[in-house]
C-alpha atoms as a PDB file:
ATOM      1  CA  UNK A   1      14.933 -41.984 -25.760  1.00  0.00           C
ATOM      2  CA  UNK A   2      11.931 -40.323 -27.098  1.00  0.00           C
ATOM      3  CA  UNK A   3       8.835 -40.508 -25.182  1.00  0.00           C
ATOM      4  CA  UNK A   4       5.110 -40.459 -26.770  1.00  0.00           C
ATOM      5  CA  UNK A   5       4.534 -36.608 -25.621  1.00  0.00           C
ATOM      6  CA  UNK A   6       7.863 -35.757 -27.659  1.00  0.00           C
ATOM      7  CA  UNK A   7       6.125 -37.504 -30.424  1.00  0.00           C
ATOM      8  CA  UNK A   8       2.829 -35.810 -30.254  1.00  0.00           C
ATOM      9  CA  UNK A   9       3.920 -32.205 -30.046  1.00  0.00           C
ATOM     10  CA  UNK A  10       5.112 -32.170 -33.213  1.00  0.00           C
ATOM     11  CA  UNK A  11       2.166 -33.931 -34.895  1.00  0.00           C
ATOM     12  CA  UNK A  12      -0.562 -32.090 -33.136  1.00  0.00           C
ATOM     13  CA  UNK A  13       1.405 -28.450 -34.051  1.00  0.00           C
ATOM     14  CA  UNK A  14       1.031 -29.956 -37.411  1.00  0.00           C
ATOM     15  CA  UNK A  15      -2.441 -30.608 -37.083  1.00  0.00           C
ATOM     16  CA  UNK A  16      -4.078 -27.548 -35.441  1.00  0.00           C
ATOM     17  CA  UNK A  17      -0.917 -25.160 -35.802  1.00  0.00           C
ATOM     18  CA  UNK A  18       1.593 -23.396 -33.549  1.00  0.00           C
ATOM     19  CA  UNK A  19      -0.416 -21.687 -30.526  1.00  0.00           C
ATOM     20  CA  UNK A  20      -0.659 -18.063 -31.302  1.00  0.00           C
ATOM     21  CA  UNK A  21      -0.414 -15.357 -28.900  1.00  0.00           C
ATOM     22  CA  UNK A  22      -0.334 -11.904 -30.527  1.00  0.00           C
ATOM     23  CA  UNK A  23       1.263  -8.689 -29.130  1.00  0.00           C
ATOM     24  CA  UNK A  24      -1.784  -6.921 -28.822  1.00  0.00           C
ATOM     25  CA  UNK A  25      -3.320  -9.819 -26.830  1.00  0.00           C
ATOM     26  CA  UNK A  26      -0.405  -9.774 -24.147  1.00  0.00           C
ATOM     27  CA  UNK A  27      -1.237  -6.139 -23.730  1.00  0.00           C
ATOM     28  CA  UNK A  28      -4.574  -6.363 -23.181  1.00  0.00           C
ATOM     29  CA  UNK A  29      -4.034  -9.220 -20.462  1.00  0.00           C
ATOM     30  CA  UNK A  30      -1.463  -7.102 -18.628  1.00  0.00           C
ATOM     31  CA  UNK A  31      -3.593  -4.249 -18.598  1.00  0.00           C
ATOM     32  CA  UNK A  32      -6.296  -5.864 -16.980  1.00  0.00           C
ATOM     33  CA  UNK A  33      -4.556  -7.656 -14.657  1.00  0.00           C
ATOM     34  CA  UNK A  34      -2.611  -4.288 -13.149  1.00  0.00           C
ATOM     35  CA  UNK A  35      -6.290  -2.422 -13.344  1.00  0.00           C
ATOM     36  CA  UNK A  36      -7.801  -5.966 -11.376  1.00  0.00           C
ATOM     37  CA  UNK A  37      -4.224  -5.268  -8.666  1.00  0.00           C
ATOM     38  CA  UNK A  38      -4.926  -1.906  -8.364  1.00  0.00           C
ATOM     39  CA  UNK A  39      -8.347  -2.199  -7.264  1.00  0.00           C
ATOM     40  CA  UNK A  40      -7.748  -4.957  -4.880  1.00  0.00           C
ATOM     41  CA  UNK A  41      -4.754  -2.473  -3.362  1.00  0.00           C
ATOM     42  CA  UNK A  42      -7.388   0.280  -2.944  1.00  0.00           C
ATOM     43  CA  UNK A  43     -10.010  -1.543  -1.472  1.00  0.00           C
ATOM     44  CA  UNK A  44      -7.230  -2.792   1.139  1.00  0.00           C
ATOM     45  CA  UNK A  45      -6.062   0.684   1.719  1.00  0.00           C
ATOM     46  CA  UNK A  46      -9.449   1.768   1.712  1.00  0.00           C
ATOM     47  CA  UNK A  47     -10.278  -0.495   4.781  1.00  0.00           C
ATOM     48  CA  UNK A  48      -6.969  -0.438   6.879  1.00  0.00           C
ATOM     49  CA  UNK A  49      -7.089   3.617   7.561  1.00  0.00           C
ATOM     50  CA  UNK A  50     -10.976   3.665   7.994  1.00  0.00           C
ATOM     51  CA  UNK A  51     -11.707   4.622  11.464  1.00  0.00           C
ATOM     52  CA  UNK A  52     -13.351   1.503  13.423  1.00  0.00           C
ATOM     53  CA  UNK A  53     -15.036   0.535  16.492  1.00  0.00           C
ATOM     54  CA  UNK A  54     -14.534  -1.786  19.145  1.00  0.00           C
ATOM     55  CA  UNK A  55     -16.371  -3.189  22.073  1.00  0.00           C
ATOM     56  CA  UNK A  56     -15.489  -5.183  24.914  1.00  0.00           C
ATOM     57  CA  UNK A  57     -18.000  -6.701  27.926  1.00  0.00           C
ATOM     58  CA  UNK A  58     -16.392  -6.513  31.499  1.00  0.00           C
ATOM     59  CA  UNK A  59     -19.242  -8.352  33.330  1.00  0.00           C
ATOM     60  CA  UNK A  60     -22.816  -8.302  34.180  1.00  0.00           C
ATOM     61  CA  UNK A  61     -24.685  -8.623  36.859  1.00  0.00           C
ATOM     62  CA  UNK A  62     -28.684 -10.031  37.123  1.00  0.00           C
ATOM     63  CA  UNK A  63     -29.644  -7.992  39.552  1.00  0.00           C
ATOM     64  CA  UNK A  64     -33.496  -9.599  39.666  1.00  0.00           C
ATOM     65  CA  UNK A  65     -35.391 -11.516  37.206  1.00  0.00           C
ATOM     66  CA  UNK A  66     -36.162  -8.000  35.176  1.00  0.00           C
ATOM     67  CA  UNK A  67     -32.922  -6.349  35.328  1.00  0.00           C
ATOM     68  CA  UNK A  68     -29.392  -7.110  34.197  1.00  0.00           C
ATOM     69  CA  UNK A  69     -26.186  -4.815  34.973  1.00  0.00           C
ATOM     70  CA  UNK A  70     -23.741  -4.568  31.675  1.00  0.00           C
ATOM     71  CA  UNK A  71     -20.449  -2.899  32.047  1.00  0.00           C
ATOM     72  CA  UNK A  72     -18.627  -2.851  28.764  1.00  0.00           C
ATOM     73  CA  UNK A  73     -16.007  -0.408  26.950  1.00  0.00           C
ATOM     74  CA  UNK A  74     -16.281   0.944  23.684  1.00  0.00           C
ATOM     75  CA  UNK A  75     -12.834   1.893  21.350  1.00  0.00           C
ATOM     76  CA  UNK A  76     -13.609   4.627  18.985  1.00  0.00           C
ATOM     77  CA  UNK A  77     -11.839   7.469  18.027  1.00  0.00           C
ATOM     78  CA  UNK A  78     -12.455  10.132  20.818  1.00  0.00           C
ATOM     79  CA  UNK A  79     -13.894  12.845  18.400  1.00  0.00           C
ATOM     80  CA  UNK A  80     -16.687  10.359  16.665  1.00  0.00           C
ATOM     81  CA  UNK A  81     -19.484   8.891  18.113  1.00  0.00           C
ATOM     82  CA  UNK A  82     -21.242   5.329  18.166  1.00  0.00           C
ATOM     83  CA  UNK A  83     -23.789   3.280  18.840  1.00  0.00           C
ATOM     84  CA  UNK A  84     -23.839  -0.213  20.384  1.00  0.00           C
ATOM     85  CA  UNK A  85     -26.224  -3.029  21.351  1.00  0.00           C
ATOM     86  CA  UNK A  86     -26.491  -4.512  24.125  1.00  0.00           C
ATOM     87  CA  UNK A  87     -28.145  -7.801  24.247  1.00  0.00           C
ATOM     88  CA  UNK A  88     -29.580 -10.191  27.515  1.00  0.00           C
ATOM     89  CA  UNK A  89     -29.876 -13.686  27.014  1.00  0.00           C
ATOM     90  CA  UNK A  90     -31.665 -16.451  28.719  1.00  0.00           C
ATOM     91  CA  UNK A  91     -30.678 -20.564  28.830  1.00  0.00           C
ATOM     92  CA  UNK A  92     -31.690 -20.964  24.855  1.00  0.00           C
ATOM     93  CA  UNK A  93     -29.588 -17.962  24.398  1.00  0.00           C
ATOM     94  CA  UNK A  94     -33.248 -16.572  23.232  1.00  0.00           C
ATOM     95  CA  UNK A  95     -32.870 -12.579  23.665  1.00  0.00           C
ATOM     96  CA  UNK A  96     -34.788 -11.419  26.574  1.00  0.00           C
ATOM     97  CA  UNK A  97     -33.826  -8.168  26.753  1.00  0.00           C
ATOM     98  CA  UNK A  98     -31.912  -5.443  24.442  1.00  0.00           C
ATOM     99  CA  UNK A  99     -30.840  -1.582  24.690  1.00  0.00           C
ATOM    100  CA  UNK A 100     -29.562   0.567  22.224  1.00  0.00           C
ATOM    101  CA  UNK A 101     -26.410   2.230  23.809  1.00  0.00           C
ATOM    102  CA  UNK A 102     -25.573   6.094  21.839  1.00  0.00           C
ATOM    103  CA  UNK A 103     -21.820   6.680  23.031  1.00  0.00           C
ATOM    104  CA  UNK A 104     -20.901  10.569  22.183  1.00  0.00           C
ATOM    105  CA  UNK A 105     -17.621  11.763  21.829  1.00  0.00           C
ATOM    106  CA  UNK A 106     -15.402  11.845  24.411  1.00  0.00           C
ATOM    107  CA  UNK A 107     -11.965  12.919  25.603  1.00  0.00           C
ATOM    108  CA  UNK A 108      -9.977   9.591  25.020  1.00  0.00           C
ATOM    109  CA  UNK A 109     -10.827   6.940  23.323  1.00  0.00           C
ATOM    110  CA  UNK A 110     -11.717   4.108  25.466  1.00  0.00           C
ATOM    111  CA  UNK A 111     -14.945   4.571  27.519  1.00  0.00           C
ATOM    112  CA  UNK A 112     -16.404   2.428  29.918  1.00  0.00           C
ATOM    113  CA  UNK A 113     -19.842   2.444  29.872  1.00  0.00           C
ATOM    114  CA  UNK A 114     -22.827   0.948  32.950  1.00  0.00           C
ATOM    115  CA  UNK A 115     -26.084   0.278  31.833  1.00  0.00           C
ATOM    116  CA  UNK A 116     -28.952  -1.536  32.832  1.00  0.00           C
ATOM    117  CA  UNK A 117     -31.075  -3.894  30.287  1.00  0.00           C
ATOM    118  CA  UNK A 118     -34.680  -4.576  31.439  1.00  0.00           C
ATOM    119  CA  UNK A 119     -35.578  -8.178  31.346  1.00  0.00           C
ATOM    120  CA  UNK A 120     -38.870  -9.977  30.131  1.00  0.00           C
ATOM    121  CA  UNK A 121     -37.698 -12.975  32.194  1.00  0.00           C
ATOM    122  CA  UNK A 122     -34.282 -13.900  34.258  1.00  0.00           C
ATOM    123  CA  UNK A 123     -31.101 -13.138  31.998  1.00  0.00           C
ATOM    124  CA  UNK A 124     -28.146 -16.139  32.069  1.00  0.00           C
ATOM    125  CA  UNK A 125     -25.896 -13.968  30.003  1.00  0.00           C
ATOM    126  CA  UNK A 126     -25.186 -10.725  28.322  1.00  0.00           C
ATOM    127  CA  UNK A 127     -24.098  -9.693  25.125  1.00  0.00           C
ATOM    128  CA  UNK A 128     -22.523  -6.724  23.380  1.00  0.00           C
ATOM    129  CA  UNK A 129     -23.625  -7.946  19.884  1.00  0.00           C
ATOM    130  CA  UNK A 130     -22.694  -4.922  17.865  1.00  0.00           C
ATOM    131  CA  UNK A 131     -21.017  -1.557  17.575  1.00  0.00           C
ATOM    132  CA  UNK A 132     -21.044   1.347  14.693  1.00  0.00           C
ATOM    133  CA  UNK A 133     -19.440   4.495  13.956  1.00  0.00           C
ATOM    134  CA  UNK A 134     -22.983   7.239  13.463  1.00  0.00           C
ATOM    135  CA  UNK A 135     -20.983   9.957  12.122  1.00  0.00           C
END
């Protein structure tokens, strides 16, 4: 038994004509898709092989109301330098102290650092907010 869609397809083609897709349009679409695919692959590969730096907070100690001691690891290529930002935060997570730490080239990829951050009021936590390669 024919459905209404079966009857309407020829009627639509009679009224409006069959849809045409030329060979040239197909080739253009294929080229565009290929170029977009190649750009996406290049972007993925660029990000995958780019050297990176990671950090890990080992611990902190609030020695007195004006000083917080922070121990952290920086993992980076041994021959590269990095800059890390260490922050001391209060109970409301407001920044009460900040320290920029430069980590130079080392013999190993993993470097453990111990730094003291001066604070304007007692800190309750410390974080490594960022690390980036600088050379």
